[in-house]
Amino acid sequence: MFEAENLRDWIGLSVVDNTESKVGTLESLYFDTSTDQPAFAAVHVGILGGQKLVFVPLTGALVAPKHLKVMFTKKLIKDAPFIATDGELQSTQESELFAHYDMAYVTGSAGERRLGRR
């Protein structure tokens, strides 16, 4: 895995899918609150009037000089739960996000959120 502080350097650059087809632009990172590791990327997609942020897991992601490559298809990513570009991921959306990518979702022992934006 890559270092989180290095991944921040890719904010604003392209995100490509597993076939290197451009999905959008890296907007922000969401960390797993239990491990403090980067877990999801918020990706800016769409054109004027239809812009949104979709979420894609960073599992298996690779960084390159000009893009971040994620290990999911463009279609799966674009169908993922999303928020408005000026929005915030709500705690109630977290389980839906994990389910979309067929990932297990478990909150903290006291019901804490699983993801936090940094």
N, C-alpha and C. Protein backbone atom coordinates (compact mmCIF):
# COMPACT_ATOMS: atom_id res chain seq x y z
N MET A 1 0.86 -1.18 0.00
CA MET A 1 0.00 0.00 0.00
C MET A 1 0.89 1.23 0.00
N PHE A 2 0.35 2.32 -0.42
CA PHE A 2 1.06 3.58 -0.49
C PHE A 2 0.87 4.36 0.79
N GLU A 3 1.76 5.30 1.03
CA GLU A 3 1.64 6.15 2.20
C GLU A 3 0.54 7.18 2.00
N ALA A 4 -0.27 7.42 3.01
CA ALA A 4 -1.40 8.35 2.90
C ALA A 4 -0.95 9.75 2.53
N GLU A 5 0.15 10.21 3.14
CA GLU A 5 0.56 11.58 2.83
C GLU A 5 0.98 11.71 1.37
N ASN A 6 1.50 10.66 0.78
CA ASN A 6 1.85 10.69 -0.63
C ASN A 6 0.60 10.70 -1.50
N LEU A 7 -0.43 9.99 -1.10
CA LEU A 7 -1.66 9.94 -1.87
C LEU A 7 -2.31 11.32 -1.96
N ARG A 8 -2.16 12.12 -0.94
CA ARG A 8 -2.72 13.48 -0.97
C ARG A 8 -2.15 14.30 -2.13
N ASP A 9 -0.94 13.94 -2.55
CA ASP A 9 -0.32 14.65 -3.68
C ASP A 9 -1.09 14.42 -4.99
N TRP A 10 -1.93 13.40 -5.04
CA TRP A 10 -2.67 13.09 -6.27
C TRP A 10 -4.02 13.79 -6.33
N ILE A 11 -4.41 14.50 -5.28
CA ILE A 11 -5.68 15.23 -5.30
C ILE A 11 -5.65 16.22 -6.46
N GLY A 12 -6.70 16.18 -7.28
CA GLY A 12 -6.79 17.04 -8.45
C GLY A 12 -6.36 16.34 -9.73
N LEU A 13 -5.76 15.16 -9.61
CA LEU A 13 -5.34 14.42 -10.80
C LEU A 13 -6.37 13.36 -11.18
N SER A 14 -6.19 12.77 -12.32
CA SER A 14 -7.14 11.79 -12.85
C SER A 14 -7.19 10.51 -12.02
N VAL A 15 -8.38 9.92 -12.00
CA VAL A 15 -8.59 8.58 -11.46
C VAL A 15 -9.01 7.73 -12.64
N VAL A 16 -8.34 6.59 -12.81
CA VAL A 16 -8.67 5.68 -13.91
C VAL A 16 -9.12 4.34 -13.33
N ASP A 17 -9.92 3.61 -14.13
CA ASP A 17 -10.42 2.32 -13.67
C ASP A 17 -9.40 1.22 -13.95
N ASN A 18 -9.82 -0.03 -13.77
CA ASN A 18 -8.91 -1.16 -13.94
C ASN A 18 -8.46 -1.38 -15.39
N THR A 19 -9.10 -0.71 -16.35
CA THR A 19 -8.67 -0.79 -17.75
C THR A 19 -7.98 0.51 -18.18
N GLU A 20 -7.73 1.40 -17.22
CA GLU A 20 -7.11 2.71 -17.41
C GLU A 20 -7.98 3.70 -18.18
N SER A 21 -9.30 3.50 -18.12
CA SER A 21 -10.26 4.44 -18.66
C SER A 21 -10.53 5.50 -17.60
N LYS A 22 -10.47 6.78 -17.97
CA LYS A 22 -10.66 7.85 -16.98
C LYS A 22 -12.07 7.84 -16.42
N VAL A 23 -12.14 7.90 -15.09
CA VAL A 23 -13.40 7.93 -14.37
C VAL A 23 -13.72 9.36 -13.96
N GLY A 24 -12.72 10.08 -13.46
CA GLY A 24 -12.94 11.44 -12.97
C GLY A 24 -11.66 11.96 -12.35
N THR A 25 -11.84 12.88 -11.39
CA THR A 25 -10.71 13.54 -10.74
C THR A 25 -10.76 13.29 -9.24
N LEU A 26 -9.62 12.97 -8.65
CA LEU A 26 -9.55 12.74 -7.21
C LEU A 26 -9.84 14.03 -6.46
N GLU A 27 -10.87 14.01 -5.62
CA GLU A 27 -11.28 15.21 -4.89
C GLU A 27 -10.85 15.16 -3.43
N SER A 28 -10.99 13.99 -2.79
CA SER A 28 -10.62 13.87 -1.38
C SER A 28 -10.45 12.41 -1.00
N LEU A 29 -9.97 12.21 0.22
CA LEU A 29 -9.73 10.86 0.74
C LEU A 29 -10.56 10.64 1.99
N TYR A 30 -11.03 9.42 2.13
CA TYR A 30 -11.75 9.01 3.33
C TYR A 30 -10.96 7.89 3.98
N PHE A 31 -10.70 8.04 5.27
CA PHE A 31 -9.89 7.10 6.01
C PHE A 31 -10.77 6.18 6.85
N ASP A 32 -10.31 4.94 7.04
CA ASP A 32 -10.97 4.00 7.93
C ASP A 32 -10.64 4.46 9.35
N THR A 33 -11.64 4.80 10.13
CA THR A 33 -11.42 5.36 11.45
C THR A 33 -10.83 4.34 12.43
N SER A 34 -10.96 3.05 12.14
CA SER A 34 -10.41 2.05 13.05
C SER A 34 -8.94 1.76 12.77
N THR A 35 -8.47 1.97 11.55
CA THR A 35 -7.08 1.67 11.20
C THR A 35 -6.27 2.91 10.84
N ASP A 36 -6.94 4.02 10.61
CA ASP A 36 -6.32 5.27 10.19
C ASP A 36 -5.63 5.14 8.83
N GLN A 37 -6.10 4.21 8.01
CA GLN A 37 -5.57 4.00 6.67
C GLN A 37 -6.53 4.55 5.63
N PRO A 38 -6.02 5.05 4.48
CA PRO A 38 -6.93 5.52 3.43
C PRO A 38 -7.78 4.35 2.94
N ALA A 39 -9.10 4.56 2.85
CA ALA A 39 -10.01 3.47 2.50
C ALA A 39 -10.79 3.75 1.22
N PHE A 40 -11.24 4.97 1.01
CA PHE A 40 -12.03 5.33 -0.16
C PHE A 40 -11.54 6.65 -0.73
N ALA A 41 -11.68 6.77 -2.04
CA ALA A 41 -11.44 8.04 -2.72
C ALA A 41 -12.78 8.62 -3.12
N ALA A 42 -12.94 9.92 -2.93
CA ALA A 42 -14.10 10.63 -3.47
C ALA A 42 -13.65 11.17 -4.82
N VAL A 43 -14.37 10.79 -5.86
CA VAL A 43 -13.99 11.12 -7.23
C VAL A 43 -15.01 12.05 -7.85
N HIS A 44 -14.55 13.17 -8.35
CA HIS A 44 -15.41 14.16 -9.00
C HIS A 44 -15.71 13.67 -10.41
N VAL A 45 -16.98 13.43 -10.71
CA VAL A 45 -17.39 12.96 -12.04
C VAL A 45 -18.49 13.85 -12.58
N GLY A 46 -18.72 13.76 -13.89
CA GLY A 46 -19.81 14.48 -14.53
C GLY A 46 -19.35 15.77 -15.18
N ILE A 47 -20.29 16.31 -15.94
CA ILE A 47 -20.05 17.58 -16.61
C ILE A 47 -20.97 18.63 -15.99
N LEU A 48 -20.80 19.87 -16.36
CA LEU A 48 -21.61 20.94 -15.77
C LEU A 48 -23.08 20.56 -15.72
N GLY A 49 -23.67 20.80 -14.57
CA GLY A 49 -25.08 20.50 -14.38
C GLY A 49 -25.31 19.09 -13.84
N GLY A 50 -24.33 18.21 -13.96
CA GLY A 50 -24.50 16.85 -13.48
C GLY A 50 -23.31 16.37 -12.67
N GLN A 51 -22.61 17.30 -12.04
CA GLN A 51 -21.42 16.95 -11.28
C GLN A 51 -21.79 16.35 -9.94
N LYS A 52 -20.97 15.37 -9.51
CA LYS A 52 -21.19 14.73 -8.22
C LYS A 52 -19.88 14.08 -7.79
N LEU A 53 -19.86 13.62 -6.55
CA LEU A 53 -18.73 12.88 -6.01
C LEU A 53 -19.17 11.44 -5.79
N VAL A 54 -18.47 10.51 -6.41
CA VAL A 54 -18.72 9.09 -6.19
C VAL A 54 -17.56 8.55 -5.36
N PHE A 55 -17.80 7.42 -4.75
CA PHE A 55 -16.80 6.83 -3.87
C PHE A 55 -16.31 5.51 -4.43
N VAL A 56 -14.99 5.29 -4.32
CA VAL A 56 -14.38 4.06 -4.81
C VAL A 56 -13.35 3.60 -3.78
N PRO A 57 -13.36 2.29 -3.45
CA PRO A 57 -12.38 1.77 -2.50
C PRO A 57 -10.95 1.90 -3.04
N LEU A 58 -10.02 2.08 -2.12
CA LEU A 58 -8.61 2.18 -2.49
C LEU A 58 -7.89 0.85 -2.40
N THR A 59 -8.62 -0.21 -2.11
CA THR A 59 -8.02 -1.55 -2.07
C THR A 59 -7.36 -1.87 -3.40
N GLY A 60 -6.07 -2.15 -3.38
CA GLY A 60 -5.35 -2.50 -4.59
C GLY A 60 -5.02 -1.33 -5.50
N ALA A 61 -5.33 -0.11 -5.09
CA ALA A 61 -5.08 1.06 -5.93
C ALA A 61 -3.58 1.25 -6.15
N LEU A 62 -3.25 1.78 -7.31
CA LEU A 62 -1.86 2.04 -7.68
C LEU A 62 -1.71 3.51 -8.05
N VAL A 63 -0.62 4.11 -7.61
CA VAL A 63 -0.36 5.49 -8.00
C VAL A 63 0.66 5.50 -9.13
N ALA A 64 0.46 6.39 -10.06
CA ALA A 64 1.35 6.57 -11.21
C ALA A 64 1.68 8.05 -11.28
N PRO A 65 2.63 8.44 -12.12
CA PRO A 65 3.01 9.86 -12.16
C PRO A 65 1.87 10.82 -12.46
N LYS A 66 0.86 10.39 -13.23
CA LYS A 66 -0.20 11.34 -13.61
C LYS A 66 -1.61 10.90 -13.26
N HIS A 67 -1.76 9.78 -12.54
CA HIS A 67 -3.10 9.33 -12.18
C HIS A 67 -3.08 8.33 -11.03
N LEU A 68 -4.27 8.07 -10.51
CA LEU A 68 -4.50 7.03 -9.52
C LEU A 68 -5.33 5.96 -10.21
N LYS A 69 -4.84 4.72 -10.20
CA LYS A 69 -5.56 3.62 -10.84
C LYS A 69 -6.24 2.79 -9.75
N VAL A 70 -7.56 2.63 -9.87
CA VAL A 70 -8.32 1.82 -8.92
C VAL A 70 -8.71 0.50 -9.58
N MET A 71 -9.03 -0.49 -8.79
CA MET A 71 -9.23 -1.84 -9.31
C MET A 71 -10.70 -2.20 -9.55
N PHE A 72 -11.50 -1.23 -9.94
CA PHE A 72 -12.92 -1.46 -10.21
C PHE A 72 -13.26 -0.91 -11.58
N THR A 73 -14.38 -1.36 -12.14
CA THR A 73 -14.78 -0.89 -13.46
C THR A 73 -15.41 0.50 -13.39
N LYS A 74 -15.31 1.20 -14.48
CA LYS A 74 -15.88 2.54 -14.57
C LYS A 74 -17.38 2.50 -14.30
N LYS A 75 -18.08 1.53 -14.85
CA LYS A 75 -19.53 1.42 -14.65
C LYS A 75 -19.87 1.23 -13.17
N LEU A 76 -19.17 0.32 -12.49
CA LEU A 76 -19.44 0.08 -11.07
C LEU A 76 -19.19 1.35 -10.27
N ILE A 77 -18.12 2.05 -10.58
CA ILE A 77 -17.79 3.28 -9.87
C ILE A 77 -18.85 4.35 -10.11
N LYS A 78 -19.25 4.54 -11.34
CA LYS A 78 -20.23 5.59 -11.66
C LYS A 78 -21.61 5.28 -11.09
N ASP A 79 -21.90 4.00 -10.80
CA ASP A 79 -23.17 3.60 -10.20
C ASP A 79 -23.11 3.61 -8.67
N ALA A 80 -21.97 3.97 -8.12
CA ALA A 80 -21.78 3.96 -6.66
C ALA A 80 -22.59 5.06 -5.98
N PRO A 81 -22.84 4.91 -4.69
CA PRO A 81 -23.49 5.99 -3.95
C PRO A 81 -22.69 7.28 -4.12
N PHE A 82 -23.39 8.39 -4.15
CA PHE A 82 -22.73 9.68 -4.41
C PHE A 82 -23.30 10.76 -3.52
N ILE A 83 -22.56 11.88 -3.51
CA ILE A 83 -23.02 13.08 -2.81
C ILE A 83 -22.81 14.26 -3.75
N ALA A 84 -23.43 15.37 -3.44
CA ALA A 84 -23.21 16.60 -4.21
C ALA A 84 -21.77 17.05 -4.02
N THR A 85 -21.24 17.79 -4.97
CA THR A 85 -19.84 18.21 -4.88
C THR A 85 -19.56 19.07 -3.65
N ASP A 86 -20.58 19.69 -3.09
CA ASP A 86 -20.39 20.47 -1.86
C ASP A 86 -21.02 19.75 -0.66
N GLY A 87 -21.30 18.45 -0.83
CA GLY A 87 -21.96 17.68 0.21
C GLY A 87 -21.00 16.96 1.14
N GLU A 88 -21.59 16.15 2.00
CA GLU A 88 -20.83 15.39 2.99
C GLU A 88 -21.42 13.99 3.07
N LEU A 89 -20.56 12.99 3.14
CA LEU A 89 -21.01 11.61 3.28
C LEU A 89 -21.65 11.44 4.66
N GLN A 90 -22.91 11.07 4.68
CA GLN A 90 -23.63 10.87 5.94
C GLN A 90 -23.34 9.48 6.49
N SER A 91 -23.40 9.34 7.79
CA SER A 91 -23.13 8.04 8.42
C SER A 91 -24.11 6.98 7.93
N THR A 92 -25.33 7.38 7.61
CA THR A 92 -26.33 6.43 7.14
C THR A 92 -26.02 5.89 5.74
N GLN A 93 -25.14 6.56 5.00
CA GLN A 93 -24.77 6.12 3.65
C GLN A 93 -23.60 5.14 3.65
N GLU A 94 -22.89 5.05 4.75
CA GLU A 94 -21.69 4.22 4.78
C GLU A 94 -21.97 2.75 4.47
N SER A 95 -22.98 2.18 5.11
CA SER A 95 -23.26 0.75 4.88
C SER A 95 -23.67 0.51 3.42
N GLU A 96 -24.41 1.43 2.82
CA GLU A 96 -24.80 1.33 1.42
C GLU A 96 -23.57 1.36 0.51
N LEU A 97 -22.62 2.19 0.84
CA LEU A 97 -21.39 2.31 0.07
C LEU A 97 -20.59 1.00 0.11
N PHE A 98 -20.41 0.44 1.29
CA PHE A 98 -19.69 -0.83 1.41
C PHE A 98 -20.43 -1.94 0.68
N ALA A 99 -21.74 -1.99 0.79
CA ALA A 99 -22.54 -3.03 0.12
C ALA A 99 -22.41 -2.92 -1.39
N HIS A 100 -22.35 -1.72 -1.93
CA HIS A 100 -22.23 -1.52 -3.38
C HIS A 100 -20.99 -2.23 -3.93
N TYR A 101 -19.92 -2.22 -3.15
CA TYR A 101 -18.67 -2.86 -3.59
C TYR A 101 -18.50 -4.26 -2.98
N ASP A 102 -19.58 -4.79 -2.41
CA ASP A 102 -19.58 -6.13 -1.83
C ASP A 102 -18.50 -6.28 -0.76
N MET A 103 -18.43 -5.28 0.10
CA MET A 103 -17.46 -5.27 1.18
C MET A 103 -18.21 -5.32 2.51
N ALA A 104 -17.62 -5.99 3.50
CA ALA A 104 -18.23 -6.07 4.83
C ALA A 104 -18.19 -4.70 5.50
N TYR A 105 -19.27 -4.37 6.20
CA TYR A 105 -19.34 -3.10 6.91
C TYR A 105 -19.60 -3.35 8.38
N VAL A 106 -18.70 -2.83 9.22
CA VAL A 106 -18.84 -2.96 10.67
C VAL A 106 -18.49 -1.62 11.29
N THR A 107 -19.35 -1.12 12.15
CA THR A 107 -19.06 0.13 12.85
C THR A 107 -18.15 -0.16 14.03
N GLY A 108 -17.68 0.89 14.67
CA GLY A 108 -16.88 0.72 15.88
C GLY A 108 -17.71 0.12 17.00
N SER A 109 -17.06 -0.29 18.07
CA SER A 109 -17.76 -0.97 19.18
C SER A 109 -18.85 -0.12 19.80
N ALA A 110 -18.73 1.19 19.73
CA ALA A 110 -19.75 2.08 20.27
C ALA A 110 -20.58 2.71 19.16
N GLY A 111 -20.55 2.10 17.97
CA GLY A 111 -21.33 2.60 16.85
C GLY A 111 -20.67 3.74 16.09
N GLU A 112 -19.35 3.92 16.29
CA GLU A 112 -18.65 5.00 15.61
C GLU A 112 -18.68 4.81 14.10
N ARG A 113 -18.56 5.91 13.41
CA ARG A 113 -18.48 5.89 11.95
C ARG A 113 -17.27 5.10 11.52
N ARG A 114 -17.36 4.52 10.34
CA ARG A 114 -16.26 3.75 9.79
C ARG A 114 -15.33 4.62 8.95
N LEU A 115 -15.88 5.67 8.32
CA LEU A 115 -15.10 6.51 7.42
C LEU A 115 -15.05 7.95 7.91
N GLY A 116 -13.89 8.57 7.72
CA GLY A 116 -13.72 9.97 8.06
C GLY A 116 -12.92 10.67 6.96
N ARG A 117 -13.33 11.85 6.62
CA ARG A 117 -12.66 12.61 5.55
C ARG A 117 -11.50 13.40 6.11
N ARG A 118 -10.40 13.41 5.38
CA ARG A 118 -9.24 14.20 5.78
C ARG A 118 -8.63 14.86 4.60
